[in-house]
Amino acid sequence: MKSGGAGPAAEGERSRGRRRGCEGPVSAAGGGGCTGGSADLCLSQVAAAGHVELSIPPVRRLTIEDFEIGRPLGKGKFGNVYLARLKESHFIVALKVLFKSQIEKEGLEHQLRREIEIQAHLQHPNILRLYNYFHDARRVYLILEYAPRGELYKELQKSHTLDEKHTATIMEELADALIYCHEKKVIHRDIKPENLLLGFRGEVKIADFGWSVHTPSLRRKTMCGTLDYLPPEMIERRTYNEKVDLWCIGVLCYELLVGNPPFESPSHNETYRRILKVDVRFPPSLPLGAQDLISKLLRYQPSERLPLAQILEHPWVRAHSQRVLPPSFQMAS
């Protein structure tokens, strides 16, 4: 269950084959919707019994009674996401409700804690915000930004592909958001359509930080993420860094324009083989500028991948992106 979005976010199979994960769950919270990132609070401990403690106590501890609960936005293995409104302020949010028993059963206390700690400290127009959280005896509640236009994944299912303008806009938004994440030593590791939501103006919001990690050294060795999006260094279990996110957005750019991931194959082994060989086949319909960008991101050697700042300046992105920053961000920048 991801958080939010504008419609049920099922964990079910993708119409042309739902993403195959690699090792373990894709998110501490399960399958699809809206997750986000800025608050002054961080989770200091989720004990084995599911107890949640705040490192900085809120001014007033919220409870479920503070909310009017609306329609479900998504359902997953670990709980559900609901449209909700704060009774006092009438502020609209997505309320992610997680069952402690399920989290404990799967041994995901640490992953949930990490997801909350990371998202609570990120604030960027293209990262969904986590406003606050609270808990009761049975559940953990995450108060998340509501993304009215839902998952990019569902839009892609409807239209099969996106046009150059929409894709280039998403690439600019993601590059800018990931520059922000990497500056804060956060690697997302699981960028894909299912983890991207769309805001009121259609702007992308990075969601679901269940696989993300905060590491001061920006070097890791665990495998995670989604099979079609795995970079070579993860498959080979080499130490990796933030450049795994560059590979993922290269795969994403291809999928948005073509309609399927570049290494999609009938079997896991064939997918692995094609990733390790960087066996990318560009259809004739794919614009040359997009081919150039994708080919510069899908490089076996992480150090050879196009840096995020150069994605922002890439001629194809500059020619087609229609990114519009929200007024508050424009004033701050």
C-alpha atoms as a PDB file:
ATOM      1  CA  MET A   1       0.000   0.000   0.000  1.00  0.00           C
ATOM      2  CA  LYS A   2       1.426   3.276  -0.968  1.00  0.00           C
ATOM      3  CA  SER A   3      -0.080   6.369   0.380  1.00  0.00           C
ATOM      4  CA  GLY A   4      -2.747   8.352  -1.324  1.00  0.00           C
ATOM      5  CA  GLY A   5      -3.386   9.034  -4.961  1.00  0.00           C
ATOM      6  CA  ALA A   6      -6.767   9.518  -6.531  1.00  0.00           C
ATOM      7  CA  GLY A   7      -8.169   6.053  -6.674  1.00  0.00           C
ATOM      8  CA  PRO A   8      -7.724   2.529  -5.370  1.00  0.00           C
ATOM      9  CA  ALA A   9      -4.084   1.583  -5.479  1.00  0.00           C
ATOM     10  CA  ALA A  10      -4.156  -2.165  -5.655  1.00  0.00           C
ATOM     11  CA  GLU A  11      -1.294  -4.545  -5.068  1.00  0.00           C
ATOM     12  CA  GLY A  12      -2.611  -6.758  -7.877  1.00  0.00           C
ATOM     13  CA  GLU A  13      -0.982  -7.804 -11.103  1.00  0.00           C
ATOM     14  CA  ARG A  14      -0.118  -5.285 -13.781  1.00  0.00           C
ATOM     15  CA  SER A  15      -2.230  -5.593 -16.931  1.00  0.00           C
ATOM     16  CA  ARG A  16       0.809  -6.614 -18.970  1.00  0.00           C
ATOM     17  CA  GLY A  17       2.477  -8.348 -16.017  1.00  0.00           C
ATOM     18  CA  ARG A  18       2.707  -6.532 -12.684  1.00  0.00           C
ATOM     19  CA  ARG A  19       6.250  -5.647 -11.696  1.00  0.00           C
ATOM     20  CA  ARG A  20       8.281  -8.504 -10.396  1.00  0.00           C
ATOM     21  CA  GLY A  21      10.078  -7.624  -7.207  1.00  0.00           C
ATOM     22  CA  CYS A  22      13.519  -8.899  -6.363  1.00  0.00           C
ATOM     23  CA  GLU A  23      13.987  -9.624  -2.682  1.00  0.00           C
ATOM     24  CA  GLY A  24      11.373  -8.904  -0.057  1.00  0.00           C
ATOM     25  CA  PRO A  25       8.464  -6.472  -0.157  1.00  0.00           C
ATOM     26  CA  VAL A  26       8.643  -3.420  -2.359  1.00  0.00           C
ATOM     27  CA  SER A  27       7.566  -1.162   0.491  1.00  0.00           C
ATOM     28  CA  ALA A  28       7.189  -1.378   4.205  1.00  0.00           C
ATOM     29  CA  ALA A  29       3.672  -0.210   3.628  1.00  0.00           C
ATOM     30  CA  GLY A  30       2.789  -2.326   0.650  1.00  0.00           C
ATOM     31  CA  GLY A  31       1.164  -1.421  -2.639  1.00  0.00           C
ATOM     32  CA  GLY A  32       0.074   1.951  -4.307  1.00  0.00           C
ATOM     33  CA  GLY A  33      -0.744   5.611  -3.702  1.00  0.00           C
ATOM     34  CA  CYS A  34       0.791   8.664  -1.980  1.00  0.00           C
ATOM     35  CA  THR A  35       3.794   9.015   0.290  1.00  0.00           C
ATOM     36  CA  GLY A  36       5.712  12.117   1.115  1.00  0.00           C
ATOM     37  CA  GLY A  37       8.151  14.157   2.970  1.00  0.00           C
ATOM     38  CA  SER A  38       8.406  17.035   5.409  1.00  0.00           C
ATOM     39  CA  ALA A  39       7.824  17.300   9.133  1.00  0.00           C
ATOM     40  CA  ASP A  40       9.736  18.276  12.237  1.00  0.00           C
ATOM     41  CA  LEU A  41       9.194  14.875  13.808  1.00  0.00           C
ATOM     42  CA  CYS A  42      11.112  11.664  13.280  1.00  0.00           C
ATOM     43  CA  LEU A  43      10.425   8.145  14.442  1.00  0.00           C
ATOM     44  CA  SER A  44      12.992   7.110  17.020  1.00  0.00           C
ATOM     45  CA  GLN A  45      11.865   3.587  17.738  1.00  0.00           C
ATOM     46  CA  VAL A  46       9.445   0.957  16.505  1.00  0.00           C
ATOM     47  CA  ALA A  47       9.832  -1.861  18.993  1.00  0.00           C
ATOM     48  CA  ALA A  48       9.081  -5.482  18.250  1.00  0.00           C
ATOM     49  CA  ALA A  49       5.626  -5.142  19.769  1.00  0.00           C
ATOM     50  CA  GLY A  50       4.847  -2.379  17.284  1.00  0.00           C
ATOM     51  CA  HIS A  51       5.200   0.465  19.804  1.00  0.00           C
ATOM     52  CA  VAL A  52       6.018   3.833  18.266  1.00  0.00           C
ATOM     53  CA  GLU A  53       7.836   6.587  20.105  1.00  0.00           C
ATOM     54  CA  LEU A  54       8.493  10.138  18.918  1.00  0.00           C
ATOM     55  CA  SER A  55      11.927  11.634  19.304  1.00  0.00           C
ATOM     56  CA  ILE A  56      10.325  15.106  19.413  1.00  0.00           C
ATOM     57  CA  PRO A  57       6.846  15.123  20.971  1.00  0.00           C
ATOM     58  CA  PRO A  58       4.162  17.002  19.004  1.00  0.00           C
ATOM     59  CA  VAL A  59       2.445  20.013  20.539  1.00  0.00           C
ATOM     60  CA  ARG A  60      -0.710  17.935  20.808  1.00  0.00           C
ATOM     61  CA  ARG A  61      -0.818  14.243  20.074  1.00  0.00           C
ATOM     62  CA  LEU A  62      -3.290  13.543  17.280  1.00  0.00           C
ATOM     63  CA  THR A  63      -5.772  10.673  17.311  1.00  0.00           C
ATOM     64  CA  ILE A  64      -8.069   9.160  14.729  1.00  0.00           C
ATOM     65  CA  GLU A  65     -10.883  11.220  16.295  1.00  0.00           C
ATOM     66  CA  ASP A  66      -9.276  14.344  14.846  1.00  0.00           C
ATOM     67  CA  PHE A  67     -10.162  13.204  11.314  1.00  0.00           C
ATOM     68  CA  GLU A  68     -13.196  12.750   9.130  1.00  0.00           C
ATOM     69  CA  ILE A  69     -12.479   9.629   7.079  1.00  0.00           C
ATOM     70  CA  GLY A  70     -13.528   9.515   3.426  1.00  0.00           C
ATOM     71  CA  ARG A  71     -13.239   7.004   0.623  1.00  0.00           C
ATOM     72  CA  PRO A  72     -10.421   4.465   0.383  1.00  0.00           C
ATOM     73  CA  LEU A  73      -7.590   5.472  -1.926  1.00  0.00           C
ATOM     74  CA  GLY A  74      -5.644   2.241  -1.764  1.00  0.00           C
ATOM     75  CA  LYS A  75      -5.486  -1.138  -0.097  1.00  0.00           C
ATOM     76  CA  GLY A  76      -2.507  -3.322   0.642  1.00  0.00           C
ATOM     77  CA  LYS A  77      -1.103  -6.145   2.702  1.00  0.00           C
ATOM     78  CA  PHE A  78      -0.200  -3.950   5.659  1.00  0.00           C
ATOM     79  CA  GLY A  79      -3.179  -1.617   5.748  1.00  0.00           C
ATOM     80  CA  ASN A  80      -5.157   0.942   3.777  1.00  0.00           C
ATOM     81  CA  VAL A  81      -5.026   4.552   2.612  1.00  0.00           C
ATOM     82  CA  TYR A  82      -8.031   6.851   2.985  1.00  0.00           C
ATOM     83  CA  LEU A  83      -8.942  10.323   1.878  1.00  0.00           C
ATOM     84  CA  ALA A  84      -9.328  12.235   5.141  1.00  0.00           C
ATOM     85  CA  ARG A  85      -9.946  15.731   6.490  1.00  0.00           C
ATOM     86  CA  LEU A  86      -8.821  17.291   9.719  1.00  0.00           C
ATOM     87  CA  LYS A  87     -11.971  18.305  11.606  1.00  0.00           C
ATOM     88  CA  GLU A  88     -10.450  21.472  13.029  1.00  0.00           C
ATOM     89  CA  SER A  89      -8.878  22.974   9.900  1.00  0.00           C
ATOM     90  CA  HIS A  90     -10.691  21.042   7.122  1.00  0.00           C
ATOM     91  CA  PHE A  91      -7.257  20.315   5.625  1.00  0.00           C
ATOM     92  CA  ILE A  92      -7.407  17.421   3.130  1.00  0.00           C
ATOM     93  CA  VAL A  93      -4.841  14.636   3.499  1.00  0.00           C
ATOM     94  CA  ALA A  94      -4.241  11.001   2.627  1.00  0.00           C
ATOM     95  CA  LEU A  95      -4.269   8.933   5.824  1.00  0.00           C
ATOM     96  CA  LYS A  96      -2.176   5.786   5.601  1.00  0.00           C
ATOM     97  CA  VAL A  97      -3.300   3.252   8.203  1.00  0.00           C
ATOM     98  CA  LEU A  98      -0.851   0.416   8.907  1.00  0.00           C
ATOM     99  CA  PHE A  99      -1.556  -2.614  11.053  1.00  0.00           C
ATOM    100  CA  LYS A 100       1.118  -3.161  13.688  1.00  0.00           C
ATOM    101  CA  SER A 101       0.451  -6.912  13.793  1.00  0.00           C
ATOM    102  CA  GLN A 102       1.173  -7.279  10.075  1.00  0.00           C
ATOM    103  CA  ILE A 103       4.312  -5.140  10.235  1.00  0.00           C
ATOM    104  CA  GLU A 104       5.586  -7.157  13.190  1.00  0.00           C
ATOM    105  CA  LYS A 105       4.696 -10.462  11.524  1.00  0.00           C
ATOM    106  CA  GLU A 106       6.801  -9.565   8.484  1.00  0.00           C
ATOM    107  CA  GLY A 107       9.639  -8.117  10.576  1.00  0.00           C
ATOM    108  CA  LEU A 108       9.340  -4.720   8.906  1.00  0.00           C
ATOM    109  CA  GLU A 109       9.515  -2.464  11.946  1.00  0.00           C
ATOM    110  CA  HIS A 110      12.940  -1.178  10.938  1.00  0.00           C
ATOM    111  CA  GLN A 111      11.924  -0.584   7.324  1.00  0.00           C
ATOM    112  CA  LEU A 112       8.836   1.350   8.398  1.00  0.00           C
ATOM    113  CA  ARG A 113      10.900   3.421  10.793  1.00  0.00           C
ATOM    114  CA  ARG A 114      13.413   4.170   8.048  1.00  0.00           C
ATOM    115  CA  GLU A 115      10.661   5.117   5.598  1.00  0.00           C
ATOM    116  CA  ILE A 116       9.138   7.585   8.061  1.00  0.00           C
ATOM    117  CA  GLU A 117      12.444   9.028   9.221  1.00  0.00           C
ATOM    118  CA  ILE A 118      13.550   9.720   5.659  1.00  0.00           C
ATOM    119  CA  GLN A 119      10.280  11.153   4.373  1.00  0.00           C
ATOM    120  CA  ALA A 120       9.740  13.312   7.427  1.00  0.00           C
ATOM    121  CA  HIS A 121      12.859  15.290   6.596  1.00  0.00           C
ATOM    122  CA  LEU A 122      12.351  15.832   2.875  1.00  0.00           C
ATOM    123  CA  GLN A 123      10.590  18.914   1.526  1.00  0.00           C
ATOM    124  CA  HIS A 124      10.567  19.461  -2.236  1.00  0.00           C
ATOM    125  CA  PRO A 125       7.759  20.244  -4.719  1.00  0.00           C
ATOM    126  CA  ASN A 126       8.281  16.877  -6.427  1.00  0.00           C
ATOM    127  CA  ILE A 127       8.430  14.751  -3.267  1.00  0.00           C
ATOM    128  CA  LEU A 128       5.159  13.926  -1.535  1.00  0.00           C
ATOM    129  CA  ARG A 129       5.074  15.298   1.988  1.00  0.00           C
ATOM    130  CA  LEU A 130       4.709  13.409   5.220  1.00  0.00           C
ATOM    131  CA  TYR A 131       3.076  15.915   7.564  1.00  0.00           C
ATOM    132  CA  ASN A 132       2.915  13.917  10.779  1.00  0.00           C
ATOM    133  CA  TYR A 133       2.121  10.513  12.242  1.00  0.00           C
ATOM    134  CA  PHE A 134       0.586   8.957  15.342  1.00  0.00           C
ATOM    135  CA  HIS A 135      -0.412   5.528  16.600  1.00  0.00           C
ATOM    136  CA  ASP A 136      -2.823   3.651  18.801  1.00  0.00           C
ATOM    137  CA  ALA A 137      -2.798   0.130  20.240  1.00  0.00           C
ATOM    138  CA  ARG A 138      -3.270  -1.591  16.875  1.00  0.00           C
ATOM    139  CA  ARG A 139      -2.301   0.814  14.127  1.00  0.00           C
ATOM    140  CA  VAL A 140       0.254   3.351  12.905  1.00  0.00           C
ATOM    141  CA  TYR A 141      -1.174   6.366  11.037  1.00  0.00           C
ATOM    142  CA  LEU A 142       0.823   8.396   8.530  1.00  0.00           C
ATOM    143  CA  ILE A 143      -0.618  11.801   7.583  1.00  0.00           C
ATOM    144  CA  LEU A 144       0.391  12.352   3.979  1.00  0.00           C
ATOM    145  CA  GLU A 145      -0.050  14.891   1.232  1.00  0.00           C
ATOM    146  CA  TYR A 146      -3.007  14.045  -0.996  1.00  0.00           C
ATOM    147  CA  ALA A 147      -2.090  13.641  -4.678  1.00  0.00           C
ATOM    148  CA  PRO A 148      -5.402  14.255  -6.500  1.00  0.00           C
ATOM    149  CA  ARG A 149      -4.414  12.787  -9.861  1.00  0.00           C
ATOM    150  CA  GLY A 150      -3.218   9.449  -8.514  1.00  0.00           C
ATOM    151  CA  GLU A 151      -0.465   7.152  -9.723  1.00  0.00           C
ATOM    152  CA  LEU A 152       1.595   7.734 -12.844  1.00  0.00           C
ATOM    153  CA  TYR A 153       1.414   3.954 -13.211  1.00  0.00           C
ATOM    154  CA  LYS A 154      -2.348   4.075 -13.731  1.00  0.00           C
ATOM    155  CA  GLU A 155      -2.074   6.882 -16.260  1.00  0.00           C
ATOM    156  CA  LEU A 156       0.461   4.797 -18.145  1.00  0.00           C
ATOM    157  CA  GLN A 157      -1.883   1.814 -18.050  1.00  0.00           C
ATOM    158  CA  LYS A 158      -4.643   3.888 -19.646  1.00  0.00           C
ATOM    159  CA  SER A 159      -2.591   5.591 -22.343  1.00  0.00           C
ATOM    160  CA  HIS A 160       0.163   2.911 -22.712  1.00  0.00           C
ATOM    161  CA  THR A 161       2.726   5.633 -23.503  1.00  0.00           C
ATOM    162  CA  LEU A 162       3.271   9.321 -22.738  1.00  0.00           C
ATOM    163  CA  ASP A 163       4.245  12.001 -25.244  1.00  0.00           C
ATOM    164  CA  GLU A 164       7.598  13.775 -25.358  1.00  0.00           C
ATOM    165  CA  LYS A 165       6.400  16.858 -23.456  1.00  0.00           C
ATOM    166  CA  HIS A 166       4.985  14.899 -20.542  1.00  0.00           C
ATOM    167  CA  THR A 167       7.974  12.542 -20.366  1.00  0.00           C
ATOM    168  CA  ALA A 168      10.555  15.334 -20.573  1.00  0.00           C
ATOM    169  CA  THR A 169       8.701  17.264 -17.874  1.00  0.00           C
ATOM    170  CA  ILE A 170       8.784  14.213 -15.598  1.00  0.00           C
ATOM    171  CA  MET A 171      12.500  13.743 -16.263  1.00  0.00           C
ATOM    172  CA  GLU A 172      13.222  17.352 -15.261  1.00  0.00           C
ATOM    173  CA  GLU A 173      11.078  17.062 -12.128  1.00  0.00           C
ATOM    174  CA  LEU A 174      12.701  13.783 -11.080  1.00  0.00           C
ATOM    175  CA  ALA A 175      16.229  14.993 -11.760  1.00  0.00           C
ATOM    176  CA  ASP A 176      15.650  18.063  -9.611  1.00  0.00           C
ATOM    177  CA  ALA A 177      14.052  16.041  -6.795  1.00  0.00           C
ATOM    178  CA  LEU A 178      16.844  13.450  -6.831  1.00  0.00           C
ATOM    179  CA  ILE A 179      19.517  16.154  -6.742  1.00  0.00           C
ATOM    180  CA  TYR A 180      17.810  17.308  -3.546  1.00  0.00           C
ATOM    181  CA  CYS A 181      17.674  13.745  -2.151  1.00  0.00           C
ATOM    182  CA  HIS A 182      21.306  12.986  -2.979  1.00  0.00           C
ATOM    183  CA  GLU A 183      22.468  16.237  -1.407  1.00  0.00           C
ATOM    184  CA  LYS A 184      20.812  14.966   1.760  1.00  0.00           C
ATOM    185  CA  LYS A 185      22.520  11.575   1.304  1.00  0.00           C
ATOM    186  CA  VAL A 186      19.249   9.816   0.498  1.00  0.00           C
ATOM    187  CA  ILE A 187      19.128   7.185  -2.260  1.00  0.00           C
ATOM    188  CA  HIS A 188      15.595   6.245  -3.335  1.00  0.00           C
ATOM    189  CA  ARG A 189      16.522   2.950  -5.086  1.00  0.00           C
ATOM    190  CA  ASP A 190      13.020   2.192  -6.394  1.00  0.00           C
ATOM    191  CA  ILE A 191      11.989   4.887  -8.880  1.00  0.00           C
ATOM    192  CA  LYS A 192       9.237   3.456 -11.126  1.00  0.00           C
ATOM    193  CA  PRO A 193       5.719   4.477 -12.267  1.00  0.00           C
ATOM    194  CA  GLU A 194       4.054   2.741  -9.302  1.00  0.00           C
ATOM    195  CA  ASN A 195       5.997   4.957  -6.890  1.00  0.00           C
ATOM    196  CA  LEU A 196       5.282   8.260  -8.633  1.00  0.00           C
ATOM    197  CA  LEU A 197       2.112  10.240  -7.955  1.00  0.00           C
ATOM    198  CA  LEU A 198       0.591  13.207  -9.728  1.00  0.00           C
ATOM    199  CA  GLY A 199      -0.330  16.436  -7.971  1.00  0.00           C
ATOM    200  CA  PHE A 200      -3.089  18.916  -8.757  1.00  0.00           C
ATOM    201  CA  ARG A 201      -1.285  20.358 -11.791  1.00  0.00           C
ATOM    202  CA  GLY A 202      -0.056  16.962 -12.946  1.00  0.00           C
ATOM    203  CA  GLU A 203       3.374  17.459 -11.397  1.00  0.00           C
ATOM    204  CA  VAL A 204       5.203  14.313 -10.329  1.00  0.00           C
ATOM    205  CA  LYS A 205       5.600  13.521  -6.636  1.00  0.00           C
ATOM    206  CA  ILE A 206       8.110  10.870  -5.597  1.00  0.00           C
ATOM    207  CA  ALA A 207       6.381   8.515  -3.184  1.00  0.00           C
ATOM    208  CA  ASP A 208       7.051   5.327  -1.289  1.00  0.00           C
ATOM    209  CA  PHE A 209      10.413   5.546   0.417  1.00  0.00           C
ATOM    210  CA  GLY A 210      10.136   1.977   1.708  1.00  0.00           C
ATOM    211  CA  TRP A 211      13.303   0.962  -0.109  1.00  0.00           C
ATOM    212  CA  SER A 212      15.116   4.277   0.233  1.00  0.00           C
ATOM    213  CA  VAL A 213      18.070   4.641   2.532  1.00  0.00           C
ATOM    214  CA  HIS A 214      19.870   7.468   4.269  1.00  0.00           C
ATOM    215  CA  THR A 215      23.562   6.759   4.265  1.00  0.00           C
ATOM    216  CA  PRO A 216      26.215   9.410   4.913  1.00  0.00           C
ATOM    217  CA  SER A 217      28.661   7.499   2.714  1.00  0.00           C
ATOM    218  CA  LEU A 218      26.135   6.953  -0.123  1.00  0.00           C
ATOM    219  CA  ARG A 219      27.490   3.407  -0.534  1.00  0.00           C
ATOM    220  CA  ARG A 220      25.375   0.282  -0.035  1.00  0.00           C
ATOM    221  CA  LYS A 221      25.419  -3.402  -0.921  1.00  0.00           C
ATOM    222  CA  THR A 222      21.879  -4.779  -0.396  1.00  0.00           C
ATOM    223  CA  MET A 223      19.633  -5.760  -3.310  1.00  0.00           C
ATOM    224  CA  CYS A 224      16.238  -4.092  -3.467  1.00  0.00           C
ATOM    225  CA  GLY A 225      13.875  -2.415  -5.850  1.00  0.00           C
ATOM    226  CA  THR A 226      11.972  -3.860  -8.802  1.00  0.00           C
ATOM    227  CA  LEU A 227      13.374  -6.456 -11.204  1.00  0.00           C
ATOM    228  CA  ASP A 228      12.890  -4.544 -14.481  1.00  0.00           C
ATOM    229  CA  TYR A 229      14.537  -1.482 -12.933  1.00  0.00           C
ATOM    230  CA  LEU A 230      17.493  -3.158 -11.195  1.00  0.00           C
ATOM    231  CA  PRO A 231      20.885  -1.731 -12.227  1.00  0.00           C
ATOM    232  CA  PRO A 232      23.794  -4.082 -13.033  1.00  0.00           C
ATOM    233  CA  GLU A 233      25.677  -3.334  -9.807  1.00  0.00           C
ATOM    234  CA  MET A 234      22.725  -4.485  -7.690  1.00  0.00           C
ATOM    235  CA  ILE A 235      22.279  -7.699  -9.672  1.00  0.00           C
ATOM    236  CA  GLU A 236      25.973  -8.452  -9.248  1.00  0.00           C
ATOM    237  CA  ARG A 237      25.750  -7.483  -5.566  1.00  0.00           C
ATOM    238  CA  ARG A 238      28.523  -4.976  -5.922  1.00  0.00           C
ATOM    239  CA  THR A 239      28.761  -1.985  -3.615  1.00  0.00           C
ATOM    240  CA  TYR A 240      26.690   0.796  -5.133  1.00  0.00           C
ATOM    241  CA  ASN A 241      25.948   4.466  -4.588  1.00  0.00           C
ATOM    242  CA  GLU A 242      23.393   7.112  -5.529  1.00  0.00           C
ATOM    243  CA  LYS A 243      23.988   6.457  -9.232  1.00  0.00           C
ATOM    244  CA  VAL A 244      21.517   3.559  -9.031  1.00  0.00           C
ATOM    245  CA  ASP A 245      18.828   6.255  -9.222  1.00  0.00           C
ATOM    246  CA  LEU A 246      20.286   7.464 -12.546  1.00  0.00           C
ATOM    247  CA  TRP A 247      19.829   3.993 -14.020  1.00  0.00           C
ATOM    248  CA  CYS A 248      16.241   3.853 -12.746  1.00  0.00           C
ATOM    249  CA  ILE A 249      15.192   7.124 -14.364  1.00  0.00           C
ATOM    250  CA  GLY A 250      16.784   5.970 -17.619  1.00  0.00           C
ATOM    251  CA  VAL A 251      14.607   2.843 -17.490  1.00  0.00           C
ATOM    252  CA  LEU A 252      11.619   5.018 -16.585  1.00  0.00           C
ATOM    253  CA  CYS A 253      12.165   7.394 -19.514  1.00  0.00           C
ATOM    254  CA  TYR A 254      12.210   4.427 -21.896  1.00  0.00           C
ATOM    255  CA  GLU A 255       9.067   2.879 -20.391  1.00  0.00           C
ATOM    256  CA  LEU A 256       7.102   6.135 -20.500  1.00  0.00           C
ATOM    257  CA  LEU A 257       7.854   6.644 -24.193  1.00  0.00           C
ATOM    258  CA  VAL A 258       7.759   3.019 -25.404  1.00  0.00           C
ATOM    259  CA  GLY A 259       5.170   1.465 -23.086  1.00  0.00           C
ATOM    260  CA  ASN A 260       7.294  -1.251 -21.471  1.00  0.00           C
ATOM    261  CA  PRO A 261      10.650  -1.384 -19.664  1.00  0.00           C
ATOM    262  CA  PRO A 262      13.724  -1.815 -21.903  1.00  0.00           C
ATOM    263  CA  PHE A 263      14.854  -5.134 -20.429  1.00  0.00           C
ATOM    264  CA  GLU A 264      11.445  -6.785 -19.989  1.00  0.00           C
ATOM    265  CA  SER A 265      11.752 -10.501 -20.840  1.00  0.00           C
ATOM    266  CA  PRO A 266       9.769 -13.731 -20.356  1.00  0.00           C
ATOM    267  CA  SER A 267      12.019 -14.946 -17.522  1.00  0.00           C
ATOM    268  CA  HIS A 268      13.953 -13.439 -14.626  1.00  0.00           C
ATOM    269  CA  ASN A 269      17.224 -14.875 -15.931  1.00  0.00           C
ATOM    270  CA  GLU A 270      16.744 -13.345 -19.367  1.00  0.00           C
ATOM    271  CA  THR A 271      15.933  -9.976 -17.784  1.00  0.00           C
ATOM    272  CA  TYR A 272      19.102 -10.207 -15.662  1.00  0.00           C
ATOM    273  CA  ARG A 273      21.162 -11.165 -18.722  1.00  0.00           C
ATOM    274  CA  ARG A 274      19.892  -8.239 -20.773  1.00  0.00           C
ATOM    275  CA  ILE A 275      20.468  -5.771 -17.915  1.00  0.00           C
ATOM    276  CA  LEU A 276      24.052  -6.948 -17.429  1.00  0.00           C
ATOM    277  CA  LYS A 277      24.723  -6.638 -21.174  1.00  0.00           C
ATOM    278  CA  VAL A 278      22.824  -3.311 -21.262  1.00  0.00           C
ATOM    279  CA  ASP A 279      20.888  -4.820 -24.157  1.00  0.00           C
ATOM    280  CA  VAL A 280      18.702  -1.813 -25.005  1.00  0.00           C
ATOM    281  CA  ARG A 281      16.710  -1.953 -28.230  1.00  0.00           C
ATOM    282  CA  PHE A 282      15.304   1.370 -29.382  1.00  0.00           C
ATOM    283  CA  PRO A 283      12.191   1.203 -31.569  1.00  0.00           C
ATOM    284  CA  PRO A 284      12.316   3.454 -34.680  1.00  0.00           C
ATOM    285  CA  SER A 285       9.492   5.563 -33.239  1.00  0.00           C
ATOM    286  CA  LEU A 286      11.580   6.679 -30.256  1.00  0.00           C
ATOM    287  CA  PRO A 287      12.802  10.275 -30.767  1.00  0.00           C
ATOM    288  CA  LEU A 288      16.562  10.576 -31.270  1.00  0.00           C
ATOM    289  CA  GLY A 289      16.911  13.114 -28.465  1.00  0.00           C
ATOM    290  CA  ALA A 290      15.248  10.731 -26.016  1.00  0.00           C
ATOM    291  CA  GLN A 291      17.427   7.873 -27.263  1.00  0.00           C
ATOM    292  CA  ASP A 292      20.489   9.998 -26.572  1.00  0.00           C
ATOM    293  CA  LEU A 293      19.368  10.754 -23.010  1.00  0.00           C
ATOM    294  CA  ILE A 294      18.414   7.142 -22.239  1.00  0.00           C
ATOM    295  CA  SER A 295      21.657   5.757 -23.682  1.00  0.00           C
ATOM    296  CA  LYS A 296      23.659   8.156 -21.493  1.00  0.00           C
ATOM    297  CA  LEU A 297      21.800   6.977 -18.356  1.00  0.00           C
ATOM    298  CA  LEU A 298      21.794   3.235 -19.054  1.00  0.00           C
ATOM    299  CA  ARG A 299      25.523   2.625 -18.712  1.00  0.00           C
ATOM    300  CA  TYR A 300      27.012  -0.462 -17.087  1.00  0.00           C
ATOM    301  CA  GLN A 301      29.606   1.615 -15.259  1.00  0.00           C
ATOM    302  CA  PRO A 302      27.816   3.892 -12.742  1.00  0.00           C
ATOM    303  CA  SER A 303      30.504   6.570 -13.099  1.00  0.00           C
ATOM    304  CA  GLU A 304      29.670   6.897 -16.823  1.00  0.00           C
ATOM    305  CA  ARG A 305      25.994   7.703 -16.274  1.00  0.00           C
ATOM    306  CA  LEU A 306      24.855  11.222 -17.077  1.00  0.00           C
ATOM    307  CA  PRO A 307      24.803  13.312 -13.867  1.00  0.00           C
ATOM    308  CA  LEU A 308      21.446  14.645 -12.691  1.00  0.00           C
ATOM    309  CA  ALA A 309      22.461  18.267 -13.270  1.00  0.00           C
ATOM    310  CA  GLN A 310      23.194  17.438 -16.917  1.00  0.00           C
ATOM    311  CA  ILE A 311      19.754  15.848 -17.322  1.00  0.00           C
ATOM    312  CA  LEU A 312      18.304  19.265 -16.490  1.00  0.00           C
ATOM    313  CA  GLU A 313      20.404  20.772 -19.294  1.00  0.00           C
ATOM    314  CA  HIS A 314      19.973  17.972 -21.842  1.00  0.00           C
ATOM    315  CA  PRO A 315      18.778  19.406 -25.203  1.00  0.00           C
ATOM    316  CA  TRP A 316      15.806  17.019 -25.470  1.00  0.00           C
ATOM    317  CA  VAL A 317      14.634  17.854 -21.940  1.00  0.00           C
ATOM    318  CA  ARG A 318      15.110  21.577 -22.508  1.00  0.00           C
ATOM    319  CA  ALA A 319      13.200  21.437 -25.793  1.00  0.00           C
ATOM    320  CA  HIS A 320      10.165  19.551 -24.480  1.00  0.00           C
ATOM    321  CA  SER A 321       9.819  19.995 -20.707  1.00  0.00           C
ATOM    322  CA  GLN A 322       6.912  22.149 -19.537  1.00  0.00           C
ATOM    323  CA  ARG A 323       7.702  22.058 -15.836  1.00  0.00           C
ATOM    324  CA  VAL A 324       5.933  24.708 -13.777  1.00  0.00           C
ATOM    325  CA  LEU A 325       7.059  25.307 -10.208  1.00  0.00           C
ATOM    326  CA  PRO A 326       4.444  26.104  -7.554  1.00  0.00           C
ATOM    327  CA  PRO A 327       4.400  29.803  -6.533  1.00  0.00           C
ATOM    328  CA  SER A 328       5.780  29.106  -3.030  1.00  0.00           C
ATOM    329  CA  PHE A 329       8.816  27.315  -4.477  1.00  0.00           C
ATOM    330  CA  GLN A 330       9.390  30.036  -7.065  1.00  0.00           C
ATOM    331  CA  MET A 331       9.537  32.663  -4.318  1.00  0.00           C
ATOM    332  CA  ALA A 332      11.914  30.558  -2.242  1.00  0.00           C
ATOM    333  CA  SER A 333      14.318  29.864  -5.090  1.00  0.00           C
END
